[in-house]
């Protein structure tokens, strides 16, 4: 699960919203991968430290503490990061599958 902890009034969160929605649509066919958003001003999360908005965290099945995402915030950046860090994404989108399309 890749989670965006956001504040509704945050300008950076608003700017990220369309890319986040596009990412969710892009990976909707990837089994065992969820792209989520969480209003951190309306809900508290024990054990999650949010120092700024948006805070992006990836929760692989074997790590309930999560991994901070600190990369760039365009669709290609997210998909590249998921291809390197998410076993569910890797299984659904093997690295060599895109290479065959590029050659066409």
PDB file of N, CA and C in Angstrom:
ATOM      1  N   UNK A   1       0.839  -1.165   0.000  1.00  0.00           N
ATOM      2  CA  UNK A   1       0.000   0.000   0.000  1.00  0.00           C
ATOM      3  C   UNK A   1       0.891   1.238   0.000  1.00  0.00           C
ATOM      4  N   UNK A   2       0.591   2.173  -0.883  1.00  0.00           N
ATOM      5  CA  UNK A   2       1.263   3.466  -0.922  1.00  0.00           C
ATOM      6  C   UNK A   2       0.227   4.495  -0.474  1.00  0.00           C
ATOM      7  N   UNK A   3       0.546   5.199   0.627  1.00  0.00           N
ATOM      8  CA  UNK A   3      -0.425   6.108   1.242  1.00  0.00           C
ATOM      9  C   UNK A   3       0.063   7.547   1.172  1.00  0.00           C
ATOM     10  N   UNK A   4      -0.863   8.422   0.810  1.00  0.00           N
ATOM     11  CA  UNK A   4      -0.619   9.868   0.862  1.00  0.00           C
ATOM     12  C   UNK A   4      -1.355  10.398   2.081  1.00  0.00           C
ATOM     13  N   UNK A   5      -0.599  10.844   3.089  1.00  0.00           N
ATOM     14  CA  UNK A   5      -1.169  11.524   4.246  1.00  0.00           C
ATOM     15  C   UNK A   5      -1.207  13.001   3.880  1.00  0.00           C
ATOM     16  N   UNK A   6      -2.408  13.576   3.860  1.00  0.00           N
ATOM     17  CA  UNK A   6      -2.548  14.935   3.359  1.00  0.00           C
ATOM     18  C   UNK A   6      -3.398  15.803   4.282  1.00  0.00           C
ATOM     19  N   UNK A   7      -3.366  17.096   3.990  1.00  0.00           N
ATOM     20  CA  UNK A   7      -4.245  18.069   4.628  1.00  0.00           C
ATOM     21  C   UNK A   7      -5.032  18.750   3.509  1.00  0.00           C
ATOM     22  N   UNK A   8      -6.353  18.863   3.643  1.00  0.00           N
ATOM     23  CA  UNK A   8      -7.167  19.432   2.574  1.00  0.00           C
ATOM     24  C   UNK A   8      -6.774  20.864   2.179  1.00  0.00           C
ATOM     25  N   UNK A   9      -6.220  21.624   3.096  1.00  0.00           N
ATOM     26  CA  UNK A   9      -5.848  23.011   2.835  1.00  0.00           C
ATOM     27  C   UNK A   9      -4.440  23.152   2.245  1.00  0.00           C
ATOM     28  N   UNK A  10      -3.683  22.060   2.150  1.00  0.00           N
ATOM     29  CA  UNK A  10      -2.279  22.094   1.729  1.00  0.00           C
ATOM     30  C   UNK A  10      -2.150  22.255   0.208  1.00  0.00           C
ATOM     31  N   UNK A  11      -1.430  23.298  -0.202  1.00  0.00           N
ATOM     32  CA  UNK A  11      -1.226  23.541  -1.633  1.00  0.00           C
ATOM     33  C   UNK A  11      -0.456  22.438  -2.332  1.00  0.00           C
ATOM     34  N   UNK A  12       0.574  21.887  -1.675  1.00  0.00           N
ATOM     35  CA  UNK A  12       1.351  20.792  -2.276  1.00  0.00           C
ATOM     36  C   UNK A  12       0.476  19.547  -2.443  1.00  0.00           C
ATOM     37  N   UNK A  13      -0.407  19.320  -1.483  1.00  0.00           N
ATOM     38  CA  UNK A  13      -1.320  18.170  -1.565  1.00  0.00           C
ATOM     39  C   UNK A  13      -2.293  18.340  -2.731  1.00  0.00           C
ATOM     40  N   UNK A  14      -2.807  19.547  -2.883  1.00  0.00           N
ATOM     41  CA  UNK A  14      -3.732  19.822  -3.989  1.00  0.00           C
ATOM     42  C   UNK A  14      -3.035  19.646  -5.339  1.00  0.00           C
ATOM     43  N   UNK A  15      -1.780  20.064  -5.411  1.00  0.00           N
ATOM     44  CA  UNK A  15      -1.024  19.919  -6.661  1.00  0.00           C
ATOM     45  C   UNK A  15      -0.753  18.449  -6.984  1.00  0.00           C
ATOM     46  N   UNK A  16      -0.554  17.644  -5.957  1.00  0.00           N
ATOM     47  CA  UNK A  16      -0.273  16.226  -6.157  1.00  0.00           C
ATOM     48  C   UNK A  16      -1.529  15.420  -6.480  1.00  0.00           C
ATOM     49  N   UNK A  17      -2.699  15.913  -6.107  1.00  0.00           N
ATOM     50  CA  UNK A  17      -3.951  15.153  -6.230  1.00  0.00           C
ATOM     51  C   UNK A  17      -4.187  14.551  -7.623  1.00  0.00           C
ATOM     52  N   UNK A  18      -4.055  15.306  -8.721  1.00  0.00           N
ATOM     53  CA  UNK A  18      -4.321  14.683 -10.028  1.00  0.00           C
ATOM     54  C   UNK A  18      -3.322  13.580 -10.383  1.00  0.00           C
ATOM     55  N   UNK A  19      -2.069  13.758 -10.013  1.00  0.00           N
ATOM     56  CA  UNK A  19      -1.060  12.730 -10.276  1.00  0.00           C
ATOM     57  C   UNK A  19      -1.366  11.489  -9.437  1.00  0.00           C
ATOM     58  N   UNK A  20      -1.753  11.697  -8.184  1.00  0.00           N
ATOM     59  CA  UNK A  20      -2.081  10.584  -7.285  1.00  0.00           C
ATOM     60  C   UNK A  20      -3.257   9.787  -7.839  1.00  0.00           C
ATOM     61  N   UNK A  21      -4.284  10.495  -8.314  1.00  0.00           N
ATOM     62  CA  UNK A  21      -5.446   9.821  -8.900  1.00  0.00           C
ATOM     63  C   UNK A  21      -5.061   9.059 -10.164  1.00  0.00           C
ATOM     64  N   UNK A  22      -4.175   9.639 -10.961  1.00  0.00           N
ATOM     65  CA  UNK A  22      -3.700   8.974 -12.178  1.00  0.00           C
ATOM     66  C   UNK A  22      -2.906   7.711 -11.832  1.00  0.00           C
ATOM     67  N   UNK A  23      -2.087   7.801 -10.789  1.00  0.00           N
ATOM     68  CA  UNK A  23      -1.329   6.633 -10.340  1.00  0.00           C
ATOM     69  C   UNK A  23      -2.282   5.528  -9.891  1.00  0.00           C
ATOM     70  N   UNK A  24      -3.299   5.886  -9.124  1.00  0.00           N
ATOM     71  CA  UNK A  24      -4.268   4.894  -8.652  1.00  0.00           C
ATOM     72  C   UNK A  24      -4.953   4.207  -9.832  1.00  0.00           C
ATOM     73  N   UNK A  25      -5.324   4.973 -10.838  1.00  0.00           N
ATOM     74  CA  UNK A  25      -5.963   4.390 -12.021  1.00  0.00           C
ATOM     75  C   UNK A  25      -4.979   3.504 -12.790  1.00  0.00           C
ATOM     76  N   UNK A  26      -3.721   3.945 -12.880  1.00  0.00           N
ATOM     77  CA  UNK A  26      -2.704   3.202 -13.617  1.00  0.00           C
ATOM     78  C   UNK A  26      -2.429   1.831 -13.005  1.00  0.00           C
ATOM     79  N   UNK A  27      -2.534   1.710 -11.687  1.00  0.00           N
ATOM     80  CA  UNK A  27      -2.201   0.446 -11.020  1.00  0.00           C
ATOM     81  C   UNK A  27      -3.432  -0.306 -10.521  1.00  0.00           C
ATOM     82  N   UNK A  28      -4.633   0.111 -10.922  1.00  0.00           N
ATOM     83  CA  UNK A  28      -5.841  -0.535 -10.420  1.00  0.00           C
ATOM     84  C   UNK A  28      -5.911  -2.024 -10.782  1.00  0.00           C
ATOM     85  N   UNK A  29      -5.195  -2.450 -11.813  1.00  0.00           N
ATOM     86  CA  UNK A  29      -5.192  -3.858 -12.194  1.00  0.00           C
ATOM     87  C   UNK A  29      -4.091  -4.658 -11.500  1.00  0.00           C
ATOM     88  N   UNK A  30      -3.277  -3.995 -10.679  1.00  0.00           N
ATOM     89  CA  UNK A  30      -2.190  -4.676  -9.973  1.00  0.00           C
ATOM     90  C   UNK A  30      -2.749  -5.255  -8.673  1.00  0.00           C
ATOM     91  N   UNK A  31      -2.812  -6.573  -8.639  1.00  0.00           N
ATOM     92  CA  UNK A  31      -3.331  -7.252  -7.449  1.00  0.00           C
ATOM     93  C   UNK A  31      -2.392  -7.018  -6.269  1.00  0.00           C
ATOM     94  N   UNK A  32      -2.944  -6.809  -5.108  1.00  0.00           N
ATOM     95  CA  UNK A  32      -2.182  -6.601  -3.866  1.00  0.00           C
ATOM     96  C   UNK A  32      -1.423  -5.279  -3.821  1.00  0.00           C
ATOM     97  N   UNK A  33      -1.851  -4.275  -4.581  1.00  0.00           N
ATOM     98  CA  UNK A  33      -1.250  -2.944  -4.484  1.00  0.00           C
ATOM     99  C   UNK A  33      -2.378  -1.921  -4.408  1.00  0.00           C
ATOM    100  N   UNK A  34      -2.356  -1.128  -3.348  1.00  0.00           N
ATOM    101  CA  UNK A  34      -3.377  -0.107  -3.130  1.00  0.00           C
ATOM    102  C   UNK A  34      -2.706   1.253  -3.075  1.00  0.00           C
ATOM    103  N   UNK A  35      -3.294   2.213  -3.778  1.00  0.00           N
ATOM    104  CA  UNK A  35      -2.871   3.606  -3.711  1.00  0.00           C
ATOM    105  C   UNK A  35      -3.960   4.300  -2.897  1.00  0.00           C
ATOM    106  N   UNK A  36      -3.589   4.812  -1.713  1.00  0.00           N
ATOM    107  CA  UNK A  36      -4.581   5.358  -0.787  1.00  0.00           C
ATOM    108  C   UNK A  36      -4.264   6.802  -0.440  1.00  0.00           C
ATOM    109  N   UNK A  37      -5.291   7.494   0.035  1.00  0.00           N
ATOM    110  CA  UNK A  37      -5.107   8.841   0.558  1.00  0.00           C
ATOM    111  C   UNK A  37      -5.823   8.934   1.895  1.00  0.00           C
ATOM    112  N   UNK A  38      -5.212   9.688   2.800  1.00  0.00           N
ATOM    113  CA  UNK A  38      -5.654   9.709   4.185  1.00  0.00           C
ATOM    114  C   UNK A  38      -5.590  11.147   4.693  1.00  0.00           C
ATOM    115  N   UNK A  39      -6.739  11.704   5.031  1.00  0.00           N
ATOM    116  CA  UNK A  39      -6.785  13.061   5.575  1.00  0.00           C
ATOM    117  C   UNK A  39      -6.236  13.033   6.996  1.00  0.00           C
ATOM    118  N   UNK A  40      -5.014  13.486   7.147  1.00  0.00           N
ATOM    119  CA  UNK A  40      -4.336  13.419   8.448  1.00  0.00           C
ATOM    120  C   UNK A  40      -4.784  14.516   9.400  1.00  0.00           C
ATOM    121  N   UNK A  41      -5.612  15.441   8.929  1.00  0.00           N
ATOM    122  CA  UNK A  41      -6.148  16.464   9.831  1.00  0.00           C
ATOM    123  C   UNK A  41      -7.441  15.997  10.482  1.00  0.00           C
ATOM    124  N   UNK A  42      -8.112  15.046   9.883  1.00  0.00           N
ATOM    125  CA  UNK A  42      -9.376  14.540  10.421  1.00  0.00           C
ATOM    126  C   UNK A  42      -9.208  13.237  11.182  1.00  0.00           C
ATOM    127  N   UNK A  43      -8.057  12.604  11.026  1.00  0.00           N
ATOM    128  CA  UNK A  43      -7.802  11.310  11.650  1.00  0.00           C
ATOM    129  C   UNK A  43      -6.400  11.293  12.228  1.00  0.00           C
ATOM    130  N   UNK A  44      -6.227  10.563  13.298  1.00  0.00           N
ATOM    131  CA  UNK A  44      -4.901  10.394  13.879  1.00  0.00           C
ATOM    132  C   UNK A  44      -4.406   8.986  13.592  1.00  0.00           C
ATOM    133  N   UNK A  45      -3.112   8.878  13.402  1.00  0.00           N
ATOM    134  CA  UNK A  45      -2.511   7.582  13.157  1.00  0.00           C
ATOM    135  C   UNK A  45      -1.411   7.389  14.191  1.00  0.00           C
ATOM    136  N   UNK A  46      -1.662   6.484  15.105  1.00  0.00           N
ATOM    137  CA  UNK A  46      -0.667   6.207  16.132  1.00  0.00           C
ATOM    138  C   UNK A  46       0.565   5.570  15.502  1.00  0.00           C
ATOM    139  N   UNK A  47       1.722   6.103  15.826  1.00  0.00           N
ATOM    140  CA  UNK A  47       2.969   5.544  15.323  1.00  0.00           C
ATOM    141  C   UNK A  47       3.442   6.109  14.003  1.00  0.00           C
ATOM    142  N   UNK A  48       2.642   6.957  13.355  1.00  0.00           N
ATOM    143  CA  UNK A  48       3.053   7.575  12.096  1.00  0.00           C
ATOM    144  C   UNK A  48       3.393   9.032  12.381  1.00  0.00           C
ATOM    145  N   UNK A  49       4.629   9.395  12.114  1.00  0.00           N
ATOM    146  CA  UNK A  49       5.060  10.765  12.333  1.00  0.00           C
ATOM    147  C   UNK A  49       4.931  11.549  11.041  1.00  0.00           C
ATOM    148  N   UNK A  50       4.110  12.559  11.080  1.00  0.00           N
ATOM    149  CA  UNK A  50       3.896  13.396   9.905  1.00  0.00           C
ATOM    150  C   UNK A  50       4.484  14.759  10.209  1.00  0.00           C
ATOM    151  N   UNK A  51       5.534  15.098   9.487  1.00  0.00           N
ATOM    152  CA  UNK A  51       6.223  16.367   9.712  1.00  0.00           C
ATOM    153  C   UNK A  51       5.807  17.429   8.713  1.00  0.00           C
ATOM    154  N   UNK A  52       5.212  17.007   7.630  1.00  0.00           N
ATOM    155  CA  UNK A  52       4.770  17.947   6.601  1.00  0.00           C
ATOM    156  C   UNK A  52       3.785  17.256   5.679  1.00  0.00           C
ATOM    157  N   UNK A  53       3.116  18.058   4.883  1.00  0.00           N
ATOM    158  CA  UNK A  53       2.125  17.522   3.959  1.00  0.00           C
ATOM    159  C   UNK A  53       2.559  17.762   2.527  1.00  0.00           C
ATOM    160  N   UNK A  54       2.322  16.833   1.657  1.00  0.00           N
ATOM    161  CA  UNK A  54       1.883  15.473   1.946  1.00  0.00           C
ATOM    162  C   UNK A  54       3.060  14.609   2.418  1.00  0.00           C
ATOM    163  N   UNK A  55       2.749  13.645   3.251  1.00  0.00           N
ATOM    164  CA  UNK A  55       3.711  12.624   3.644  1.00  0.00           C
ATOM    165  C   UNK A  55       3.326  11.356   2.896  1.00  0.00           C
ATOM    166  N   UNK A  56       4.289  10.761   2.210  1.00  0.00           N
ATOM    167  CA  UNK A  56       4.032   9.561   1.416  1.00  0.00           C
ATOM    168  C   UNK A  56       4.775   8.393   2.039  1.00  0.00           C
ATOM    169  N   UNK A  57       4.037   7.318   2.306  1.00  0.00           N
ATOM    170  CA  UNK A  57       4.635   6.128   2.912  1.00  0.00           C
ATOM    171  C   UNK A  57       4.177   4.887   2.166  1.00  0.00           C
ATOM    172  N   UNK A  58       5.111   3.982   1.994  1.00  0.00           N
ATOM    173  CA  UNK A  58       4.832   2.689   1.360  1.00  0.00           C
ATOM    174  C   UNK A  58       4.863   1.619   2.433  1.00  0.00           C
ATOM    175  N   UNK A  59       3.845   0.786   2.450  1.00  0.00           N
ATOM    176  CA  UNK A  59       3.729  -0.296   3.419  1.00  0.00           C
ATOM    177  C   UNK A  59       3.752  -1.644   2.706  1.00  0.00           C
ATOM    178  N   UNK A  60       4.937  -2.233   2.541  1.00  0.00           N
ATOM    179  CA  UNK A  60       4.972  -3.588   1.979  1.00  0.00           C
ATOM    180  C   UNK A  60       4.413  -4.574   2.996  1.00  0.00           C
ATOM    181  N   UNK A  61       4.042  -5.741   2.532  1.00  0.00           N
ATOM    182  CA  UNK A  61       3.427  -6.737   3.418  1.00  0.00           C
ATOM    183  C   UNK A  61       4.284  -7.080   4.617  1.00  0.00           C
ATOM    184  N   UNK A  62       5.590  -7.026   4.458  1.00  0.00           N
ATOM    185  CA  UNK A  62       6.484  -7.460   5.530  1.00  0.00           C
ATOM    186  C   UNK A  62       7.013  -6.307   6.390  1.00  0.00           C
ATOM    187  N   UNK A  63       6.429  -5.100   6.263  1.00  0.00           N
ATOM    188  CA  UNK A  63       6.941  -3.954   7.011  1.00  0.00           C
ATOM    189  C   UNK A  63       5.793  -3.039   7.423  1.00  0.00           C
ATOM    190  N   UNK A  64       5.282  -3.249   8.614  1.00  0.00           N
ATOM    191  CA  UNK A  64       4.145  -2.456   9.085  1.00  0.00           C
ATOM    192  C   UNK A  64       4.550  -1.042   9.501  1.00  0.00           C
ATOM    193  N   UNK A  65       5.860  -0.782   9.659  1.00  0.00           N
ATOM    194  CA  UNK A  65       6.318   0.561   9.990  1.00  0.00           C
ATOM    195  C   UNK A  65       6.311   1.472   8.766  1.00  0.00           C
ATOM    196  N   UNK A  66       6.396   0.877   7.597  1.00  0.00           N
ATOM    197  CA  UNK A  66       6.370   1.642   6.365  1.00  0.00           C
ATOM    198  C   UNK A  66       7.732   2.185   5.979  1.00  0.00           C
ATOM    199  N   UNK A  67       7.820   2.587   4.732  1.00  0.00           N
ATOM    200  CA  UNK A  67       9.028   3.147   4.141  1.00  0.00           C
ATOM    201  C   UNK A  67       8.648   4.517   3.594  1.00  0.00           C
ATOM    202  N   UNK A  68       9.413   5.545   3.951  1.00  0.00           N
ATOM    203  CA  UNK A  68       9.136   6.881   3.440  1.00  0.00           C
ATOM    204  C   UNK A  68       9.446   6.957   1.953  1.00  0.00           C
ATOM    205  N   UNK A  69       8.567   7.597   1.203  1.00  0.00           N
ATOM    206  CA  UNK A  69       8.816   7.890  -0.208  1.00  0.00           C
ATOM    207  C   UNK A  69       9.324   9.321  -0.270  1.00  0.00           C
ATOM    208  N   UNK A  70      10.488   9.507  -0.848  1.00  0.00           N
ATOM    209  CA  UNK A  70      11.082  10.840  -0.922  1.00  0.00           C
ATOM    210  C   UNK A  70      11.473  11.218  -2.346  1.00  0.00           C
ATOM    211  N   UNK A  71      10.966  10.488  -3.324  1.00  0.00           N
ATOM    212  CA  UNK A  71      11.328  10.763  -4.709  1.00  0.00           C
ATOM    213  C   UNK A  71      10.520  11.894  -5.309  1.00  0.00           C
ATOM    214  N   UNK A  72      10.732  12.110  -6.606  1.00  0.00           N
ATOM    215  CA  UNK A  72       9.964  13.115  -7.329  1.00  0.00           C
ATOM    216  C   UNK A  72       8.514  12.668  -7.423  1.00  0.00           C
ATOM    217  N   UNK A  73       7.658  13.576  -7.835  1.00  0.00           N
ATOM    218  CA  UNK A  73       6.228  13.315  -7.693  1.00  0.00           C
ATOM    219  C   UNK A  73       5.444  13.421  -9.001  1.00  0.00           C
ATOM    220  N   UNK A  74       6.015  12.837 -10.036  1.00  0.00           N
ATOM    221  CA  UNK A  74       5.295  12.696 -11.299  1.00  0.00           C
ATOM    222  C   UNK A  74       4.946  11.222 -11.477  1.00  0.00           C
ATOM    223  N   UNK A  75       3.998  10.923 -12.334  1.00  0.00           N
ATOM    224  CA  UNK A  75       3.553   9.544 -12.523  1.00  0.00           C
ATOM    225  C   UNK A  75       4.718   8.615 -12.835  1.00  0.00           C
ATOM    226  N   UNK A  76       5.593   9.010 -13.736  1.00  0.00           N
ATOM    227  CA  UNK A  76       6.730   8.160 -14.106  1.00  0.00           C
ATOM    228  C   UNK A  76       7.651   7.903 -12.916  1.00  0.00           C
ATOM    229  N   UNK A  77       7.791   8.892 -12.040  1.00  0.00           N
ATOM    230  CA  UNK A  77       8.628   8.725 -10.847  1.00  0.00           C
ATOM    231  C   UNK A  77       8.026   7.687  -9.912  1.00  0.00           C
ATOM    232  N   UNK A  78       6.716   7.762  -9.716  1.00  0.00           N
ATOM    233  CA  UNK A  78       6.048   6.797  -8.839  1.00  0.00           C
ATOM    234  C   UNK A  78       6.110   5.378  -9.415  1.00  0.00           C
ATOM    235  N   UNK A  79       5.842   5.247 -10.707  1.00  0.00           N
ATOM    236  CA  UNK A  79       5.850   3.901 -11.296  1.00  0.00           C
ATOM    237  C   UNK A  79       7.254   3.311 -11.303  1.00  0.00           C
ATOM    238  N   UNK A  80       8.264   4.140 -11.535  1.00  0.00           N
ATOM    239  CA  UNK A  80       9.644   3.666 -11.477  1.00  0.00           C
ATOM    240  C   UNK A  80       9.970   3.194 -10.060  1.00  0.00           C
ATOM    241  N   UNK A  81       9.602   3.978  -9.066  1.00  0.00           N
ATOM    242  CA  UNK A  81       9.870   3.629  -7.674  1.00  0.00           C
ATOM    243  C   UNK A  81       9.152   2.332  -7.294  1.00  0.00           C
ATOM    244  N   UNK A  82       7.895   2.201  -7.710  1.00  0.00           N
ATOM    245  CA  UNK A  82       7.154   0.971  -7.421  1.00  0.00           C
ATOM    246  C   UNK A  82       7.794  -0.230  -8.110  1.00  0.00           C
ATOM    247  N   UNK A  83       8.310  -0.038  -9.321  1.00  0.00           N
ATOM    248  CA  UNK A  83       8.949  -1.157 -10.024  1.00  0.00           C
ATOM    249  C   UNK A  83      10.206  -1.626  -9.294  1.00  0.00           C
ATOM    250  N   UNK A  84      10.799  -0.753  -8.501  1.00  0.00           N
ATOM    251  CA  UNK A  84      11.999  -1.110  -7.743  1.00  0.00           C
ATOM    252  C   UNK A  84      11.691  -1.575  -6.319  1.00  0.00           C
ATOM    253  N   UNK A  85      10.517  -1.229  -5.787  1.00  0.00           N
ATOM    254  CA  UNK A  85      10.243  -1.463  -4.367  1.00  0.00           C
ATOM    255  C   UNK A  85       9.012  -2.300  -4.051  1.00  0.00           C
ATOM    256  N   UNK A  86       8.135  -2.515  -5.006  1.00  0.00           N
ATOM    257  CA  UNK A  86       6.899  -3.259  -4.750  1.00  0.00           C
ATOM    258  C   UNK A  86       6.912  -4.601  -5.477  1.00  0.00           C
ATOM    259  N   UNK A  87       6.892  -5.674  -4.711  1.00  0.00           N
ATOM    260  CA  UNK A  87       6.866  -7.003  -5.334  1.00  0.00           C
ATOM    261  C   UNK A  87       5.566  -7.219  -6.109  1.00  0.00           C
ATOM    262  N   UNK A  88       4.464  -6.648  -5.649  1.00  0.00           N
ATOM    263  CA  UNK A  88       3.196  -6.778  -6.372  1.00  0.00           C
ATOM    264  C   UNK A  88       3.282  -6.073  -7.726  1.00  0.00           C
ATOM    265  N   UNK A  89       3.867  -4.894  -7.749  1.00  0.00           N
ATOM    266  CA  UNK A  89       4.024  -4.150  -8.997  1.00  0.00           C
ATOM    267  C   UNK A  89       4.979  -4.887  -9.935  1.00  0.00           C
ATOM    268  N   UNK A  90       6.069  -5.395  -9.382  1.00  0.00           N
ATOM    269  CA  UNK A  90       7.047  -6.137 -10.185  1.00  0.00           C
ATOM    270  C   UNK A  90       6.407  -7.359 -10.827  1.00  0.00           C
ATOM    271  N   UNK A  91       5.554  -8.061 -10.083  1.00  0.00           N
ATOM    272  CA  UNK A  91       4.907  -9.262 -10.610  1.00  0.00           C
ATOM    273  C   UNK A  91       3.932  -8.919 -11.737  1.00  0.00           C
ATOM    274  N   UNK A  92       3.247  -7.784 -11.601  1.00  0.00           N
ATOM    275  CA  UNK A  92       2.247  -7.400 -12.589  1.00  0.00           C
ATOM    276  C   UNK A  92       2.861  -6.718 -13.806  1.00  0.00           C
ATOM    277  N   UNK A  93       3.995  -6.062 -13.604  1.00  0.00           N
ATOM    278  CA  UNK A  93       4.636  -5.307 -14.678  1.00  0.00           C
ATOM    279  C   UNK A  93       6.122  -5.639 -14.733  1.00  0.00           C
ATOM    280  N   UNK A  94       6.465  -6.792 -15.269  1.00  0.00           N
ATOM    281  CA  UNK A  94       7.886  -7.164 -15.361  1.00  0.00           C
ATOM    282  C   UNK A  94       8.693  -6.086 -16.088  1.00  0.00           C
ATOM    283  N   UNK A  95       9.912  -5.882 -15.649  1.00  0.00           N
ATOM    284  CA  UNK A  95      10.775  -4.818 -16.185  1.00  0.00           C
ATOM    285  C   UNK A  95      10.969  -4.928 -17.687  1.00  0.00           C
ATOM    286  N   UNK A  96      11.058  -6.129 -18.215  1.00  0.00           N
ATOM    287  CA  UNK A  96      11.325  -6.285 -19.649  1.00  0.00           C
ATOM    288  C   UNK A  96      10.078  -6.123 -20.512  1.00  0.00           C
ATOM    289  N   UNK A  97       8.887  -6.054 -19.915  1.00  0.00           N
ATOM    290  CA  UNK A  97       7.666  -5.906 -20.701  1.00  0.00           C
ATOM    291  C   UNK A  97       7.625  -4.555 -21.402  1.00  0.00           C
ATOM    292  N   UNK A  98       8.061  -3.485 -20.727  1.00  0.00           N
ATOM    293  CA  UNK A  98       8.080  -2.156 -21.324  1.00  0.00           C
ATOM    294  C   UNK A  98       9.107  -2.031 -22.427  1.00  0.00           C
ATOM    295  N   UNK A  99      10.194  -2.759 -22.349  1.00  0.00           N
ATOM    296  CA  UNK A  99      11.250  -2.667 -23.350  1.00  0.00           C
ATOM    297  C   UNK A  99      10.752  -3.125 -24.717  1.00  0.00           C
ATOM    298  N   UNK A 100       9.933  -4.146 -24.758  1.00  0.00           N
ATOM    299  CA  UNK A 100       9.424  -4.648 -26.022  1.00  0.00           C
ATOM    300  C   UNK A 100       8.548  -3.593 -26.693  1.00  0.00           C
ATOM    301  N   UNK A 101       7.777  -2.848 -25.900  1.00  0.00           N
ATOM    302  CA  UNK A 101       6.915  -1.809 -26.466  1.00  0.00           C
ATOM    303  C   UNK A 101       7.756  -0.645 -26.985  1.00  0.00           C
ATOM    304  N   UNK A 102       8.847  -0.325 -26.306  1.00  0.00           N
ATOM    305  CA  UNK A 102       9.686   0.785 -26.719  1.00  0.00           C
ATOM    306  C   UNK A 102      10.310   0.538 -28.091  1.00  0.00           C
ATOM    307  N   UNK A 103      10.550  -0.703 -28.433  1.00  0.00           N
ATOM    308  CA  UNK A 103      11.194  -1.031 -29.688  1.00  0.00           C
ATOM    309  C   UNK A 103      10.270  -0.854 -30.876  1.00  0.00           C
ATOM    310  N   UNK A 104       8.967  -0.854 -30.651  1.00  0.00           N
ATOM    311  CA  UNK A 104       8.019  -0.730 -31.761  1.00  0.00           C
ATOM    312  C   UNK A 104       8.088   0.594 -32.352  1.00  0.00           C
TER     313      UNK A 104
END
